[in-house]
N, C-alpha and C. Protein backbone atom coordinates (compact mmCIF):
# COMPACT_ATOMS: atom_id res chain seq x y z
N MET A 1 0.81 -1.21 0.00
CA MET A 1 0.00 0.00 0.00
C MET A 1 0.85 1.27 0.00
N ARG A 2 2.19 1.12 0.19
CA ARG A 2 3.01 2.33 0.23
C ARG A 2 2.97 3.08 -1.09
N TRP A 3 2.93 2.31 -2.15
CA TRP A 3 2.94 2.98 -3.46
C TRP A 3 1.69 3.81 -3.65
N ARG A 4 0.55 3.34 -3.08
CA ARG A 4 -0.68 4.14 -3.20
C ARG A 4 -0.57 5.43 -2.41
N SER A 5 -0.01 5.32 -1.20
CA SER A 5 0.18 6.53 -0.40
C SER A 5 1.11 7.50 -1.11
N GLY A 6 2.19 6.96 -1.67
CA GLY A 6 3.11 7.83 -2.39
C GLY A 6 2.48 8.45 -3.61
N PHE A 7 1.62 7.68 -4.28
CA PHE A 7 0.93 8.20 -5.46
C PHE A 7 0.02 9.36 -5.08
N ARG A 8 -0.70 9.18 -3.94
CA ARG A 8 -1.62 10.25 -3.51
C ARG A 8 -0.85 11.51 -3.17
N ILE A 9 0.28 11.37 -2.49
CA ILE A 9 1.09 12.54 -2.13
C ILE A 9 1.60 13.24 -3.39
N ALA A 10 2.07 12.45 -4.35
CA ALA A 10 2.57 13.04 -5.60
C ALA A 10 1.46 13.74 -6.35
N ALA A 11 0.27 13.13 -6.36
CA ALA A 11 -0.86 13.73 -7.06
C ALA A 11 -1.26 15.04 -6.42
N PHE A 12 -1.26 15.06 -5.08
CA PHE A 12 -1.61 16.30 -4.38
C PHE A 12 -0.59 17.39 -4.66
N GLY A 13 0.68 17.01 -4.66
CA GLY A 13 1.72 17.99 -4.96
C GLY A 13 1.58 18.55 -6.36
N ALA A 14 1.24 17.69 -7.31
CA ALA A 14 1.05 18.15 -8.69
C ALA A 14 -0.11 19.11 -8.78
N LEU A 15 -1.20 18.81 -8.04
CA LEU A 15 -2.36 19.69 -8.04
C LEU A 15 -2.00 21.04 -7.44
N ALA A 16 -1.22 21.02 -6.37
CA ALA A 16 -0.82 22.28 -5.73
C ALA A 16 -0.04 23.15 -6.70
N LEU A 17 0.92 22.54 -7.40
CA LEU A 17 1.71 23.30 -8.36
C LEU A 17 0.86 23.83 -9.49
N LEU A 18 -0.12 23.02 -9.94
CA LEU A 18 -1.00 23.44 -11.03
C LEU A 18 -1.83 24.63 -10.62
N LEU A 19 -2.42 24.58 -9.42
CA LEU A 19 -3.28 25.68 -8.97
C LEU A 19 -2.48 26.96 -8.79
N LEU A 20 -1.28 26.85 -8.24
CA LEU A 20 -0.46 28.04 -8.06
C LEU A 20 -0.02 28.60 -9.41
N ALA A 21 0.28 27.73 -10.35
CA ALA A 21 0.65 28.20 -11.69
C ALA A 21 -0.53 28.89 -12.35
N MET A 22 -1.73 28.31 -12.15
CA MET A 22 -2.94 28.94 -12.70
C MET A 22 -3.12 30.34 -12.12
N GLY A 23 -2.89 30.45 -10.82
CA GLY A 23 -3.06 31.75 -10.18
C GLY A 23 -2.12 32.79 -10.76
N ALA A 24 -0.88 32.39 -11.00
CA ALA A 24 0.09 33.33 -11.57
C ALA A 24 -0.27 33.69 -13.00
N ALA A 25 -0.75 32.72 -13.76
CA ALA A 25 -1.06 32.97 -15.17
C ALA A 25 -2.33 33.78 -15.33
N LEU A 26 -3.27 33.59 -14.42
CA LEU A 26 -4.55 34.28 -14.55
C LEU A 26 -4.44 35.76 -14.25
N ARG A 27 -3.40 36.18 -13.56
CA ARG A 27 -3.32 37.54 -13.09
C ARG A 27 -2.11 38.27 -13.63
N PRO A 28 -2.05 38.56 -14.92
CA PRO A 28 -0.92 39.32 -15.45
C PRO A 28 -0.98 40.75 -14.94
N VAL A 29 0.19 41.37 -14.88
CA VAL A 29 0.22 42.76 -14.44
C VAL A 29 -0.52 43.63 -15.44
N LEU A 30 -1.30 44.58 -14.92
CA LEU A 30 -2.03 45.48 -15.81
C LEU A 30 -1.05 46.31 -16.62
N PRO A 31 -1.48 46.82 -17.78
CA PRO A 31 -0.60 47.66 -18.59
C PRO A 31 0.02 48.76 -17.74
N ALA A 32 1.32 48.94 -17.88
CA ALA A 32 2.02 49.89 -17.03
C ALA A 32 1.73 51.31 -17.49
N ALA A 33 0.54 51.79 -17.13
CA ALA A 33 0.14 53.14 -17.49
C ALA A 33 0.57 54.09 -16.39
N ALA A 34 1.87 54.37 -16.31
CA ALA A 34 2.39 55.19 -15.23
C ALA A 34 1.97 56.64 -15.38
N THR A 35 1.63 57.05 -16.59
CA THR A 35 1.24 58.42 -16.84
C THR A 35 -0.26 58.53 -16.95
N ALA A 36 -0.86 59.38 -16.13
CA ALA A 36 -2.30 59.58 -16.18
C ALA A 36 -2.66 60.38 -17.41
N PRO A 37 -3.90 60.25 -17.90
CA PRO A 37 -4.34 61.10 -19.00
C PRO A 37 -4.18 62.57 -18.61
N ALA A 38 -4.10 63.43 -19.61
CA ALA A 38 -3.91 64.85 -19.34
C ALA A 38 -4.98 65.38 -18.39
N VAL A 39 -6.20 64.95 -18.58
CA VAL A 39 -7.31 65.38 -17.73
C VAL A 39 -8.13 64.16 -17.35
N LEU A 40 -8.30 63.94 -16.07
CA LEU A 40 -9.16 62.85 -15.60
C LEU A 40 -10.55 63.41 -15.33
N SER A 41 -11.56 62.71 -15.82
CA SER A 41 -12.93 63.14 -15.58
C SER A 41 -13.32 62.84 -14.13
N ASP A 42 -14.42 63.46 -13.69
CA ASP A 42 -14.91 63.20 -12.33
C ASP A 42 -15.24 61.72 -12.16
N THR A 43 -15.78 61.11 -13.22
CA THR A 43 -16.12 59.69 -13.16
C THR A 43 -14.87 58.84 -12.99
N GLU A 44 -13.82 59.16 -13.74
CA GLU A 44 -12.57 58.41 -13.63
C GLU A 44 -11.97 58.55 -12.24
N ILE A 45 -11.95 59.77 -11.73
CA ILE A 45 -11.38 60.00 -10.40
C ILE A 45 -12.18 59.26 -9.34
N GLY A 46 -13.51 59.32 -9.43
CA GLY A 46 -14.35 58.62 -8.46
C GLY A 46 -14.13 57.12 -8.49
N PHE A 47 -14.05 56.57 -9.69
CA PHE A 47 -13.81 55.13 -9.82
C PHE A 47 -12.46 54.75 -9.24
N ILE A 48 -11.42 55.52 -9.57
CA ILE A 48 -10.08 55.22 -9.07
C ILE A 48 -10.05 55.29 -7.54
N GLN A 49 -10.65 56.34 -6.97
CA GLN A 49 -10.68 56.48 -5.51
C GLN A 49 -11.37 55.29 -4.85
N ASP A 50 -12.51 54.89 -5.41
CA ASP A 50 -13.24 53.76 -4.82
C ASP A 50 -12.48 52.46 -4.99
N MET A 51 -11.80 52.31 -6.12
CA MET A 51 -11.05 51.08 -6.33
C MET A 51 -9.83 51.01 -5.41
N VAL A 52 -9.28 52.17 -5.05
CA VAL A 52 -8.19 52.20 -4.07
C VAL A 52 -8.68 51.62 -2.74
N ALA A 53 -9.86 52.07 -2.30
CA ALA A 53 -10.42 51.56 -1.05
C ALA A 53 -10.73 50.07 -1.16
N HIS A 54 -11.26 49.67 -2.32
CA HIS A 54 -11.61 48.26 -2.54
C HIS A 54 -10.37 47.38 -2.50
N HIS A 55 -9.32 47.81 -3.16
CA HIS A 55 -8.06 47.05 -3.16
C HIS A 55 -7.47 46.98 -1.75
N GLY A 56 -7.63 48.08 -1.00
CA GLY A 56 -7.11 48.10 0.37
C GLY A 56 -7.72 46.99 1.21
N GLN A 57 -9.03 46.76 1.05
CA GLN A 57 -9.63 45.69 1.84
C GLN A 57 -9.21 44.31 1.34
N ALA A 58 -8.97 44.17 0.05
CA ALA A 58 -8.47 42.89 -0.46
C ALA A 58 -7.15 42.54 0.21
N LEU A 59 -6.28 43.52 0.38
CA LEU A 59 -5.01 43.28 1.07
C LEU A 59 -5.26 42.90 2.53
N LEU A 60 -6.25 43.54 3.15
CA LEU A 60 -6.58 43.22 4.54
C LEU A 60 -7.06 41.78 4.66
N LEU A 61 -7.85 41.32 3.69
CA LEU A 61 -8.32 39.93 3.70
C LEU A 61 -7.14 38.96 3.65
N THR A 62 -6.17 39.25 2.79
CA THR A 62 -5.02 38.35 2.67
C THR A 62 -4.19 38.35 3.95
N GLU A 63 -4.12 39.49 4.63
CA GLU A 63 -3.34 39.58 5.86
C GLU A 63 -4.01 38.83 7.01
N ARG A 64 -5.33 38.71 6.97
CA ARG A 64 -6.05 38.07 8.08
C ARG A 64 -6.23 36.57 7.90
N LEU A 65 -5.77 36.05 6.79
CA LEU A 65 -5.83 34.60 6.59
C LEU A 65 -4.82 33.91 7.50
N ASP A 66 -5.25 32.82 8.12
CA ASP A 66 -4.38 32.02 8.98
C ASP A 66 -3.12 31.61 8.21
N ALA A 67 -1.96 31.99 8.73
CA ALA A 67 -0.69 31.69 8.05
C ALA A 67 -0.42 30.19 7.97
N ASP A 68 -1.08 29.41 8.83
CA ASP A 68 -0.89 27.96 8.83
C ASP A 68 -1.96 27.23 8.04
N ALA A 69 -2.74 27.97 7.26
CA ALA A 69 -3.76 27.35 6.42
C ALA A 69 -3.09 26.55 5.30
N ASP A 70 -3.90 25.87 4.50
CA ASP A 70 -3.40 25.09 3.37
C ASP A 70 -2.42 25.93 2.55
N PRO A 71 -1.20 25.43 2.30
CA PRO A 71 -0.21 26.20 1.53
C PRO A 71 -0.73 26.65 0.16
N ILE A 72 -1.62 25.88 -0.44
CA ILE A 72 -2.17 26.29 -1.74
C ILE A 72 -2.97 27.57 -1.58
N VAL A 73 -3.83 27.62 -0.56
CA VAL A 73 -4.66 28.80 -0.32
C VAL A 73 -3.78 29.98 0.08
N VAL A 74 -2.80 29.73 0.92
CA VAL A 74 -1.87 30.80 1.33
C VAL A 74 -1.12 31.33 0.11
N GLY A 75 -0.72 30.44 -0.79
CA GLY A 75 -0.03 30.87 -2.00
C GLY A 75 -0.90 31.71 -2.91
N VAL A 76 -2.16 31.31 -3.08
CA VAL A 76 -3.10 32.09 -3.88
C VAL A 76 -3.32 33.46 -3.25
N ALA A 77 -3.45 33.50 -1.93
CA ALA A 77 -3.63 34.77 -1.23
C ALA A 77 -2.43 35.68 -1.45
N ARG A 78 -1.24 35.10 -1.44
CA ARG A 78 -0.03 35.89 -1.65
C ARG A 78 0.01 36.46 -3.07
N GLN A 79 -0.39 35.66 -4.05
CA GLN A 79 -0.41 36.13 -5.43
C GLN A 79 -1.42 37.26 -5.61
N ILE A 80 -2.59 37.10 -4.98
CA ILE A 80 -3.61 38.15 -5.07
C ILE A 80 -3.08 39.43 -4.43
N ALA A 81 -2.43 39.30 -3.27
CA ALA A 81 -1.89 40.48 -2.59
C ALA A 81 -0.85 41.19 -3.46
N ASP A 82 0.02 40.42 -4.10
CA ASP A 82 1.05 41.02 -4.95
C ASP A 82 0.43 41.81 -6.10
N SER A 83 -0.56 41.21 -6.75
CA SER A 83 -1.17 41.87 -7.91
C SER A 83 -1.99 43.08 -7.48
N GLN A 84 -2.66 42.97 -6.32
CA GLN A 84 -3.45 44.11 -5.83
C GLN A 84 -2.53 45.28 -5.48
N ARG A 85 -1.37 44.99 -4.91
CA ARG A 85 -0.42 46.07 -4.60
C ARG A 85 0.07 46.75 -5.87
N THR A 86 0.32 45.96 -6.91
CA THR A 86 0.76 46.54 -8.18
C THR A 86 -0.30 47.48 -8.73
N GLU A 87 -1.55 47.01 -8.75
CA GLU A 87 -2.65 47.85 -9.25
C GLU A 87 -2.85 49.07 -8.36
N LEU A 88 -2.71 48.88 -7.05
CA LEU A 88 -2.90 49.98 -6.12
C LEU A 88 -1.87 51.08 -6.37
N GLY A 89 -0.64 50.69 -6.65
CA GLY A 89 0.39 51.68 -6.96
C GLY A 89 0.04 52.48 -8.20
N MET A 90 -0.50 51.80 -9.22
CA MET A 90 -0.91 52.47 -10.44
C MET A 90 -2.04 53.46 -10.16
N LEU A 91 -3.04 53.02 -9.40
CA LEU A 91 -4.20 53.87 -9.09
C LEU A 91 -3.79 55.09 -8.28
N LEU A 92 -2.95 54.88 -7.28
CA LEU A 92 -2.49 56.01 -6.46
C LEU A 92 -1.64 56.97 -7.28
N GLY A 93 -0.86 56.43 -8.22
CA GLY A 93 -0.06 57.28 -9.09
C GLY A 93 -0.93 58.18 -9.94
N TRP A 94 -2.03 57.64 -10.47
CA TRP A 94 -2.95 58.45 -11.25
C TRP A 94 -3.54 59.59 -10.42
N LEU A 95 -3.95 59.27 -9.21
CA LEU A 95 -4.54 60.31 -8.35
C LEU A 95 -3.51 61.38 -8.02
N ARG A 96 -2.28 60.96 -7.78
CA ARG A 96 -1.23 61.93 -7.46
C ARG A 96 -0.96 62.85 -8.64
N LEU A 97 -0.87 62.27 -9.83
CA LEU A 97 -0.61 63.08 -11.03
C LEU A 97 -1.77 64.02 -11.33
N ALA A 98 -2.98 63.60 -10.98
CA ALA A 98 -4.16 64.43 -11.22
C ALA A 98 -4.40 65.44 -10.10
N GLY A 99 -3.62 65.35 -9.03
CA GLY A 99 -3.82 66.25 -7.90
C GLY A 99 -5.13 66.00 -7.17
N ALA A 100 -5.60 64.75 -7.20
CA ALA A 100 -6.88 64.40 -6.57
C ALA A 100 -6.62 63.70 -5.24
N PRO A 101 -7.53 63.87 -4.27
CA PRO A 101 -7.36 63.19 -2.98
C PRO A 101 -7.54 61.68 -3.12
N VAL A 102 -7.01 60.93 -2.18
CA VAL A 102 -7.13 59.48 -2.22
C VAL A 102 -8.53 59.03 -1.84
N ALA A 103 -9.11 59.69 -0.84
CA ALA A 103 -10.44 59.30 -0.36
C ALA A 103 -11.54 59.95 -1.19
N ASN A 104 -12.59 59.20 -1.44
CA ASN A 104 -13.75 59.70 -2.18
C ASN A 104 -14.77 60.23 -1.18
N ALA A 105 -15.10 61.51 -1.28
CA ALA A 105 -16.06 62.11 -0.36
C ALA A 105 -17.46 61.56 -0.57
N ARG A 106 -17.72 61.00 -1.74
CA ARG A 106 -19.04 60.44 -2.06
C ARG A 106 -18.83 59.08 -2.71
N PRO A 107 -18.54 58.05 -1.92
CA PRO A 107 -18.28 56.72 -2.48
C PRO A 107 -19.38 56.25 -3.41
N MET A 108 -18.99 55.71 -4.55
CA MET A 108 -19.88 55.18 -5.58
C MET A 108 -20.72 56.28 -6.24
N GLY A 109 -20.41 57.53 -5.98
CA GLY A 109 -21.18 58.62 -6.58
C GLY A 109 -21.00 58.75 -8.08
N TRP A 110 -19.98 58.11 -8.62
CA TRP A 110 -19.73 58.17 -10.06
C TRP A 110 -20.60 57.21 -10.85
N MET A 111 -21.24 56.24 -10.16
CA MET A 111 -22.07 55.26 -10.86
C MET A 111 -23.41 55.85 -11.24
N PRO A 112 -23.98 55.41 -12.37
CA PRO A 112 -25.27 55.95 -12.83
C PRO A 112 -26.38 55.83 -11.80
N ASN A 113 -26.39 54.75 -11.00
CA ASN A 113 -27.45 54.54 -10.00
C ASN A 113 -26.95 54.90 -8.61
N ALA A 114 -26.06 55.89 -8.53
CA ALA A 114 -25.42 56.22 -7.25
C ALA A 114 -26.43 56.63 -6.19
N ASP A 115 -27.46 57.39 -6.56
CA ASP A 115 -28.43 57.85 -5.57
C ASP A 115 -29.14 56.67 -4.93
N HIS A 116 -29.51 55.69 -5.76
CA HIS A 116 -30.19 54.50 -5.22
C HIS A 116 -29.25 53.72 -4.31
N THR A 117 -27.99 53.59 -4.75
CA THR A 117 -27.02 52.83 -3.97
C THR A 117 -26.79 53.48 -2.61
N GLN A 118 -26.67 54.80 -2.59
CA GLN A 118 -26.40 55.48 -1.34
C GLN A 118 -27.61 55.46 -0.42
N ARG A 119 -28.81 55.58 -0.97
CA ARG A 119 -30.01 55.49 -0.13
C ARG A 119 -30.09 54.11 0.50
N HIS A 120 -29.79 53.10 -0.29
CA HIS A 120 -29.86 51.72 0.22
C HIS A 120 -28.84 51.52 1.33
N SER A 121 -27.61 51.98 1.13
CA SER A 121 -26.58 51.75 2.13
C SER A 121 -26.83 52.56 3.39
N ALA A 122 -27.51 53.69 3.26
CA ALA A 122 -27.78 54.53 4.42
C ALA A 122 -28.81 53.91 5.34
N THR A 123 -29.62 53.00 4.84
CA THR A 123 -30.68 52.41 5.64
C THR A 123 -30.35 51.00 6.09
N THR A 124 -29.15 50.51 5.80
CA THR A 124 -28.74 49.17 6.21
C THR A 124 -27.34 49.24 6.80
N SER A 125 -26.90 48.12 7.36
CA SER A 125 -25.54 48.05 7.90
C SER A 125 -24.55 47.54 6.87
N ALA A 126 -25.00 47.35 5.63
CA ALA A 126 -24.14 46.80 4.59
C ALA A 126 -23.09 47.83 4.17
N PRO A 127 -21.89 47.38 3.77
CA PRO A 127 -20.87 48.31 3.25
C PRO A 127 -21.39 49.03 2.02
N THR A 128 -20.82 50.21 1.72
CA THR A 128 -21.31 51.02 0.61
C THR A 128 -20.79 50.55 -0.74
N MET A 129 -19.76 49.75 -0.78
CA MET A 129 -19.22 49.27 -2.05
C MET A 129 -19.52 47.79 -2.23
N PRO A 130 -19.78 47.36 -3.47
CA PRO A 130 -20.08 45.95 -3.73
C PRO A 130 -18.94 45.03 -3.30
N GLY A 131 -19.31 43.94 -2.64
CA GLY A 131 -18.34 42.91 -2.30
C GLY A 131 -17.52 43.14 -1.05
N MET A 132 -17.68 44.29 -0.41
CA MET A 132 -16.87 44.59 0.76
C MET A 132 -17.32 43.77 1.97
N ALA A 133 -16.37 43.30 2.75
CA ALA A 133 -16.66 42.54 3.96
C ALA A 133 -16.98 43.50 5.10
N SER A 134 -17.83 43.05 6.00
CA SER A 134 -18.17 43.84 7.18
C SER A 134 -17.08 43.66 8.23
N ALA A 135 -17.11 44.50 9.26
CA ALA A 135 -16.14 44.38 10.35
C ALA A 135 -16.27 43.02 11.04
N THR A 136 -17.51 42.55 11.17
CA THR A 136 -17.75 41.25 11.80
C THR A 136 -17.10 40.13 10.99
N GLU A 137 -17.25 40.18 9.67
CA GLU A 137 -16.66 39.15 8.81
C GLU A 137 -15.14 39.18 8.87
N LEU A 138 -14.57 40.38 8.93
CA LEU A 138 -13.11 40.48 9.04
C LEU A 138 -12.62 39.90 10.36
N ASP A 139 -13.37 40.15 11.42
CA ASP A 139 -13.00 39.59 12.73
C ASP A 139 -13.11 38.06 12.72
N GLU A 140 -14.15 37.54 12.07
CA GLU A 140 -14.32 36.08 11.97
C GLU A 140 -13.15 35.45 11.23
N LEU A 141 -12.72 36.12 10.15
CA LEU A 141 -11.60 35.59 9.37
C LEU A 141 -10.32 35.59 10.20
N ALA A 142 -10.09 36.67 10.93
CA ALA A 142 -8.88 36.76 11.74
C ALA A 142 -8.84 35.69 12.83
N ALA A 143 -10.00 35.31 13.33
CA ALA A 143 -10.06 34.33 14.42
C ALA A 143 -10.10 32.89 13.92
N ALA A 144 -10.45 32.70 12.65
CA ALA A 144 -10.63 31.34 12.11
C ALA A 144 -9.29 30.64 11.90
N ARG A 145 -9.33 29.31 11.98
CA ARG A 145 -8.14 28.51 11.78
C ARG A 145 -8.47 27.31 10.89
N GLY A 146 -7.46 26.78 10.24
CA GLY A 146 -7.62 25.58 9.44
C GLY A 146 -8.61 25.72 8.30
N THR A 147 -9.41 24.68 8.10
CA THR A 147 -10.37 24.66 7.00
C THR A 147 -11.37 25.79 7.10
N GLN A 148 -11.78 26.13 8.32
CA GLN A 148 -12.72 27.23 8.50
C GLN A 148 -12.13 28.53 7.96
N ALA A 149 -10.86 28.77 8.24
CA ALA A 149 -10.20 29.98 7.74
C ALA A 149 -10.12 29.96 6.21
N GLU A 150 -9.82 28.81 5.65
CA GLU A 150 -9.71 28.69 4.20
C GLU A 150 -11.04 28.99 3.51
N VAL A 151 -12.12 28.40 4.04
CA VAL A 151 -13.44 28.61 3.43
C VAL A 151 -13.87 30.07 3.57
N LEU A 152 -13.65 30.65 4.74
CA LEU A 152 -14.01 32.06 4.93
C LEU A 152 -13.22 32.96 3.99
N PHE A 153 -11.91 32.75 3.92
CA PHE A 153 -11.08 33.59 3.05
C PHE A 153 -11.50 33.45 1.60
N LEU A 154 -11.61 32.22 1.12
CA LEU A 154 -11.96 31.99 -0.28
C LEU A 154 -13.32 32.59 -0.61
N GLY A 155 -14.28 32.42 0.30
CA GLY A 155 -15.61 32.96 0.05
C GLY A 155 -15.64 34.48 0.07
N LEU A 156 -14.97 35.07 1.06
CA LEU A 156 -14.94 36.53 1.14
C LEU A 156 -14.21 37.13 -0.05
N MET A 157 -13.09 36.51 -0.45
CA MET A 157 -12.35 37.04 -1.59
C MET A 157 -13.13 36.85 -2.88
N ARG A 158 -13.83 35.76 -2.99
CA ARG A 158 -14.66 35.52 -4.19
C ARG A 158 -15.74 36.59 -4.29
N ARG A 159 -16.41 36.86 -3.19
CA ARG A 159 -17.44 37.90 -3.19
C ARG A 159 -16.82 39.28 -3.44
N HIS A 160 -15.64 39.51 -2.84
CA HIS A 160 -14.94 40.78 -3.02
C HIS A 160 -14.61 41.00 -4.49
N HIS A 161 -14.12 39.96 -5.16
CA HIS A 161 -13.81 40.06 -6.59
C HIS A 161 -15.07 40.31 -7.41
N ALA A 162 -16.17 39.65 -7.05
CA ALA A 162 -17.42 39.87 -7.77
C ALA A 162 -17.85 41.33 -7.66
N GLY A 163 -17.66 41.92 -6.48
CA GLY A 163 -17.98 43.33 -6.31
C GLY A 163 -17.05 44.22 -7.12
N GLY A 164 -15.76 43.86 -7.16
CA GLY A 164 -14.82 44.63 -7.96
C GLY A 164 -15.17 44.58 -9.44
N ILE A 165 -15.62 43.42 -9.90
CA ILE A 165 -16.04 43.28 -11.30
C ILE A 165 -17.24 44.17 -11.57
N GLU A 166 -18.19 44.21 -10.63
CA GLU A 166 -19.37 45.06 -10.80
C GLU A 166 -18.97 46.52 -10.95
N MET A 167 -18.03 46.97 -10.13
CA MET A 167 -17.57 48.36 -10.20
C MET A 167 -16.80 48.62 -11.48
N ALA A 168 -15.88 47.72 -11.84
CA ALA A 168 -15.07 47.91 -13.04
C ALA A 168 -15.92 47.86 -14.30
N ALA A 169 -16.92 46.96 -14.33
CA ALA A 169 -17.80 46.88 -15.50
C ALA A 169 -18.63 48.14 -15.64
N ALA A 170 -19.05 48.71 -14.51
CA ALA A 170 -19.81 49.97 -14.56
C ALA A 170 -18.94 51.09 -15.10
N ALA A 171 -17.67 51.13 -14.67
CA ALA A 171 -16.76 52.15 -15.18
C ALA A 171 -16.51 51.97 -16.67
N ASP A 172 -16.31 50.73 -17.09
CA ASP A 172 -16.10 50.44 -18.51
C ASP A 172 -17.28 50.92 -19.34
N ALA A 173 -18.48 50.79 -18.80
CA ALA A 173 -19.69 51.14 -19.54
C ALA A 173 -19.88 52.65 -19.70
N VAL A 174 -19.39 53.43 -18.74
CA VAL A 174 -19.65 54.87 -18.79
C VAL A 174 -18.47 55.69 -19.29
N LEU A 175 -17.27 55.11 -19.31
CA LEU A 175 -16.10 55.85 -19.76
C LEU A 175 -15.94 55.76 -21.27
N ASN A 176 -15.30 56.76 -21.83
CA ASN A 176 -15.08 56.82 -23.27
C ASN A 176 -13.60 56.69 -23.59
N ASP A 177 -13.14 55.45 -23.67
CA ASP A 177 -11.76 55.15 -24.03
C ASP A 177 -10.79 55.70 -22.97
N GLY A 178 -9.52 55.48 -23.17
CA GLY A 178 -8.51 55.96 -22.25
C GLY A 178 -7.95 54.86 -21.37
N GLU A 179 -6.86 55.18 -20.67
CA GLU A 179 -6.17 54.19 -19.84
C GLU A 179 -7.03 53.68 -18.69
N VAL A 180 -7.84 54.56 -18.10
CA VAL A 180 -8.66 54.14 -16.97
C VAL A 180 -9.69 53.11 -17.41
N GLN A 181 -10.33 53.37 -18.56
CA GLN A 181 -11.31 52.41 -19.06
C GLN A 181 -10.64 51.08 -19.40
N ARG A 182 -9.48 51.14 -20.04
CA ARG A 182 -8.79 49.90 -20.42
C ARG A 182 -8.37 49.10 -19.17
N SER A 183 -7.95 49.80 -18.14
CA SER A 183 -7.59 49.11 -16.91
C SER A 183 -8.81 48.50 -16.24
N ALA A 184 -9.94 49.21 -16.28
CA ALA A 184 -11.18 48.67 -15.71
C ALA A 184 -11.58 47.40 -16.45
N ARG A 185 -11.45 47.41 -17.76
CA ARG A 185 -11.80 46.24 -18.56
C ARG A 185 -10.88 45.06 -18.24
N GLU A 186 -9.60 45.35 -18.01
CA GLU A 186 -8.66 44.28 -17.66
C GLU A 186 -8.97 43.71 -16.28
N MET A 187 -9.42 44.57 -15.36
CA MET A 187 -9.81 44.09 -14.03
C MET A 187 -10.99 43.12 -14.13
N VAL A 188 -11.95 43.44 -15.00
CA VAL A 188 -13.09 42.54 -15.19
C VAL A 188 -12.60 41.18 -15.66
N ARG A 189 -11.70 41.18 -16.61
CA ARG A 189 -11.22 39.91 -17.18
C ARG A 189 -10.43 39.09 -16.16
N THR A 190 -9.44 39.71 -15.53
CA THR A 190 -8.56 38.94 -14.66
C THR A 190 -9.25 38.53 -13.35
N GLN A 191 -10.08 39.41 -12.80
CA GLN A 191 -10.76 39.03 -11.56
C GLN A 191 -11.82 37.97 -11.83
N GLY A 192 -12.40 37.98 -13.02
CA GLY A 192 -13.32 36.91 -13.39
C GLY A 192 -12.61 35.57 -13.44
N GLN A 193 -11.40 35.56 -13.98
CA GLN A 193 -10.61 34.33 -14.03
C GLN A 193 -10.23 33.88 -12.62
N GLU A 194 -9.89 34.82 -11.77
CA GLU A 194 -9.53 34.46 -10.39
C GLU A 194 -10.72 33.89 -9.63
N ILE A 195 -11.92 34.41 -9.91
CA ILE A 195 -13.11 33.85 -9.28
C ILE A 195 -13.23 32.37 -9.62
N GLY A 196 -12.89 32.01 -10.85
CA GLY A 196 -12.91 30.60 -11.24
C GLY A 196 -11.97 29.77 -10.38
N LEU A 197 -10.77 30.28 -10.13
CA LEU A 197 -9.79 29.57 -9.30
C LEU A 197 -10.28 29.46 -7.86
N LEU A 198 -10.80 30.56 -7.32
CA LEU A 198 -11.32 30.55 -5.95
C LEU A 198 -12.48 29.56 -5.82
N SER A 199 -13.31 29.49 -6.86
CA SER A 199 -14.45 28.57 -6.84
C SER A 199 -13.99 27.12 -6.81
N VAL A 200 -12.95 26.81 -7.59
CA VAL A 200 -12.41 25.44 -7.59
C VAL A 200 -11.94 25.05 -6.19
N LEU A 201 -11.23 25.96 -5.54
CA LEU A 201 -10.72 25.68 -4.20
C LEU A 201 -11.85 25.53 -3.19
N LEU A 202 -12.91 26.32 -3.34
CA LEU A 202 -14.07 26.20 -2.45
C LEU A 202 -14.78 24.86 -2.66
N GLU A 203 -14.98 24.51 -3.92
CA GLU A 203 -15.70 23.27 -4.21
C GLU A 203 -14.92 22.05 -3.72
N ARG A 204 -13.60 22.12 -3.75
CA ARG A 204 -12.78 21.01 -3.24
C ARG A 204 -12.94 20.85 -1.74
N ARG A 205 -13.46 21.88 -1.08
CA ARG A 205 -13.72 21.81 0.36
C ARG A 205 -15.19 21.53 0.65
N GLY A 206 -15.90 21.06 -0.37
CA GLY A 206 -17.29 20.67 -0.20
C GLY A 206 -18.23 21.82 0.03
N THR A 207 -17.86 23.02 -0.44
CA THR A 207 -18.69 24.19 -0.21
C THR A 207 -19.66 24.39 -1.35
N ASP A 208 -20.93 24.56 -1.01
CA ASP A 208 -21.95 24.89 -2.00
C ASP A 208 -21.86 26.38 -2.27
N LEU A 209 -21.51 26.75 -3.50
CA LEU A 209 -21.27 28.16 -3.82
C LEU A 209 -22.53 29.01 -3.77
N CYS A 210 -23.69 28.38 -3.70
CA CYS A 210 -24.95 29.14 -3.70
C CYS A 210 -25.68 29.03 -2.36
N SER A 211 -24.97 28.70 -1.29
CA SER A 211 -25.66 28.57 -0.01
C SER A 211 -24.82 29.14 1.11
N ASP A 212 -25.46 29.31 2.26
CA ASP A 212 -24.77 29.78 3.46
C ASP A 212 -23.77 28.71 3.88
N ASN A 213 -22.58 29.13 4.29
CA ASN A 213 -21.57 28.15 4.67
C ASN A 213 -21.64 27.77 6.14
N GLY A 214 -22.65 28.28 6.87
CA GLY A 214 -22.82 27.89 8.26
C GLY A 214 -22.11 28.80 9.24
N MET A 215 -21.25 29.70 8.75
CA MET A 215 -20.57 30.63 9.65
C MET A 215 -21.02 32.06 9.35
N THR A 216 -20.76 32.51 8.16
CA THR A 216 -21.20 33.82 7.70
C THR A 216 -21.52 33.67 6.23
N ARG A 217 -22.56 34.33 5.78
CA ARG A 217 -22.90 34.20 4.37
C ARG A 217 -21.91 35.01 3.54
N VAL A 218 -20.91 34.35 3.04
CA VAL A 218 -19.84 35.04 2.33
C VAL A 218 -19.83 34.71 0.85
N LEU A 219 -20.69 33.82 0.41
CA LEU A 219 -20.62 33.35 -0.97
C LEU A 219 -21.71 33.95 -1.83
N THR A 220 -21.48 33.95 -3.12
CA THR A 220 -22.49 34.37 -4.07
C THR A 220 -22.59 33.31 -5.15
N CYS A 221 -23.67 33.34 -5.89
CA CYS A 221 -23.86 32.35 -6.96
C CYS A 221 -23.36 32.87 -8.29
N ARG A 222 -22.55 33.91 -8.30
CA ARG A 222 -22.07 34.47 -9.56
C ARG A 222 -21.10 33.50 -10.20
């Protein structure tokens, strides 16, 4: 039976390498648009500011994952963190060149349905941006260990990416060409691919992507 045990270990190792390679391939660095357009529109500035905040929480999610979790999940989290930092540097550079503040005084105000979104968020405890985790969810992730931590992280990041896609797709729809629109379109593509990877890892843990996971409702059916 030793050969069977060895075969299983080898197979698991091969799967780990495959998933990590997929993660690296799915997330190419965005075009190095170090120079902002001569004039950024209010919509572009609003989108960039909100995406800075959104990326900031993605980094927080990766930091709160149990360091002793499955090495595959930890590796994917590290890759996501690296790519988010790269994009964050680009976004902050645009704001700096445009002389715009980092914080958005009216989050999501650049979206066509901003008034509805803000009214809705004002009457609930939900975060104002799509996909953002609540303080309670962040605390749960920080306290979780083992498989529980893996499922929480993967689910929260999957939902976070779905929210980022919603924001980037909205920006793509309202902007008229330019580096900001092209970067938004690339975010839709790459984060959609990453959702596929996160979903595979969740399903391998027996998680129903369309149901409550028993701890916090962190998943979506997207």
